[in-house]
């Protein structure tokens, strides 16, 4: 509540594997399906929390998981919290 000044339609969709080569070159590995949040460029007046499931067999060290976002040609990590009981990882963001 209060993160947007007006109503907006928010979308979450499975994303194509953008930046796969760059992710591999950065030493990153996916622990779940990539997601695209929209609309692109939406800014929040207060940070919002994104929570994503992870695939336990793909997560060798769940406590070390981080949500990353594709930013103009590179992957950037967000400060993230892992819930191993529910197999989710969460991060706060101020924009899509």
Protein backbone atom coordinates (compact mmCIF):
# COMPACT_ATOMS: atom_id res chain seq x y z
CA UNK A 1 0.00 0.00 0.00
CA UNK A 2 1.17 3.51 -0.83
CA UNK A 3 3.85 2.40 -3.29
CA UNK A 4 2.04 3.88 -6.29
CA UNK A 5 0.43 7.29 -6.68
CA UNK A 6 -2.19 5.91 -9.09
CA UNK A 7 -3.58 2.55 -10.13
CA UNK A 8 -1.42 0.54 -12.55
CA UNK A 9 -1.72 -2.84 -14.15
CA UNK A 10 1.27 -4.90 -13.01
CA UNK A 11 2.49 -7.85 -15.04
CA UNK A 12 4.67 -10.81 -14.15
CA UNK A 13 5.55 -13.20 -16.95
CA UNK A 14 8.10 -15.87 -17.68
CA UNK A 15 10.94 -14.21 -19.54
CA UNK A 16 13.15 -15.37 -22.34
CA UNK A 17 16.64 -16.26 -21.22
CA UNK A 18 18.05 -12.75 -21.63
CA UNK A 19 21.72 -12.49 -20.83
CA UNK A 20 22.36 -16.25 -20.61
CA UNK A 21 25.92 -15.97 -21.94
CA UNK A 22 26.64 -13.00 -19.71
CA UNK A 23 25.21 -14.85 -16.68
CA UNK A 24 27.46 -17.82 -17.34
CA UNK A 25 30.47 -15.53 -17.87
CA UNK A 26 29.68 -13.87 -14.53
CA UNK A 27 29.69 -17.24 -12.77
CA UNK A 28 25.93 -17.05 -12.06
CA UNK A 29 23.52 -19.97 -12.36
CA UNK A 30 19.73 -19.87 -12.42
CA UNK A 31 17.84 -21.54 -9.56
CA UNK A 32 14.45 -20.85 -11.11
CA UNK A 33 12.69 -19.55 -14.20
CA UNK A 34 13.44 -15.93 -15.12
CA UNK A 35 10.57 -13.45 -14.74
CA UNK A 36 9.80 -10.16 -16.45
CA UNK A 37 8.02 -7.54 -14.34
CA UNK A 38 6.15 -4.66 -15.89
CA UNK A 39 5.46 -2.16 -16.94
CA UNK A 40 9.12 -1.44 -17.66
CA UNK A 41 10.20 1.86 -16.10
CA UNK A 42 7.55 1.89 -13.36
CA UNK A 43 8.88 3.63 -10.22
CA UNK A 44 7.48 3.08 -6.73
CA UNK A 45 7.21 5.79 -4.07
CA UNK A 46 7.99 3.09 -1.47
CA UNK A 47 10.01 -0.09 -2.07
CA UNK A 48 7.98 -3.23 -2.86
CA UNK A 49 8.94 -6.83 -2.19
CA UNK A 50 9.33 -9.36 -4.99
CA UNK A 51 9.19 -13.01 -3.89
CA UNK A 52 10.17 -15.76 -6.31
CA UNK A 53 10.18 -19.54 -5.94
CA UNK A 54 13.40 -21.43 -6.46
CA UNK A 55 13.96 -24.98 -7.64
CA UNK A 56 15.66 -26.78 -4.75
CA UNK A 57 17.62 -29.24 -6.96
CA UNK A 58 19.13 -26.25 -8.83
CA UNK A 59 20.08 -24.37 -5.66
CA UNK A 60 23.29 -25.94 -4.38
CA UNK A 61 23.55 -23.38 -1.54
CA UNK A 62 20.07 -21.92 -0.92
CA UNK A 63 21.26 -19.48 1.76
CA UNK A 64 23.46 -17.80 -0.85
CA UNK A 65 20.67 -17.20 -3.39
CA UNK A 66 20.13 -13.65 -4.64
CA UNK A 67 17.59 -12.12 -6.97
CA UNK A 68 19.39 -10.47 -9.89
CA UNK A 69 18.09 -8.10 -12.49
CA UNK A 70 19.29 -7.39 -16.01
CA UNK A 71 20.53 -3.80 -16.11
CA UNK A 72 21.72 -2.42 -19.43
CA UNK A 73 23.90 -5.40 -20.30
CA UNK A 74 24.89 -6.85 -16.92
CA UNK A 75 23.34 -8.78 -14.04
CA UNK A 76 23.03 -6.89 -10.75
CA UNK A 77 22.36 -8.60 -7.43
CA UNK A 78 19.72 -7.31 -5.04
CA UNK A 79 19.94 -7.69 -1.28
CA UNK A 80 17.84 -10.82 -0.85
CA UNK A 81 16.28 -12.97 1.86
CA UNK A 82 15.86 -16.73 1.48
CA UNK A 83 13.00 -18.71 3.04
CA UNK A 84 14.21 -22.30 2.80
CA UNK A 85 11.01 -23.74 4.30
CA UNK A 86 8.91 -22.24 1.49
CA UNK A 87 11.67 -22.37 -1.15
CA UNK A 88 11.43 -18.67 -1.97
CA UNK A 89 13.83 -15.76 -2.26
CA UNK A 90 12.70 -12.14 -1.78
CA UNK A 91 14.14 -8.71 -2.52
CA UNK A 92 12.88 -5.13 -2.23
CA UNK A 93 12.85 -2.97 -5.36
CA UNK A 94 12.01 0.64 -6.09
CA UNK A 95 11.33 0.21 -9.83
CA UNK A 96 10.75 -2.27 -12.64
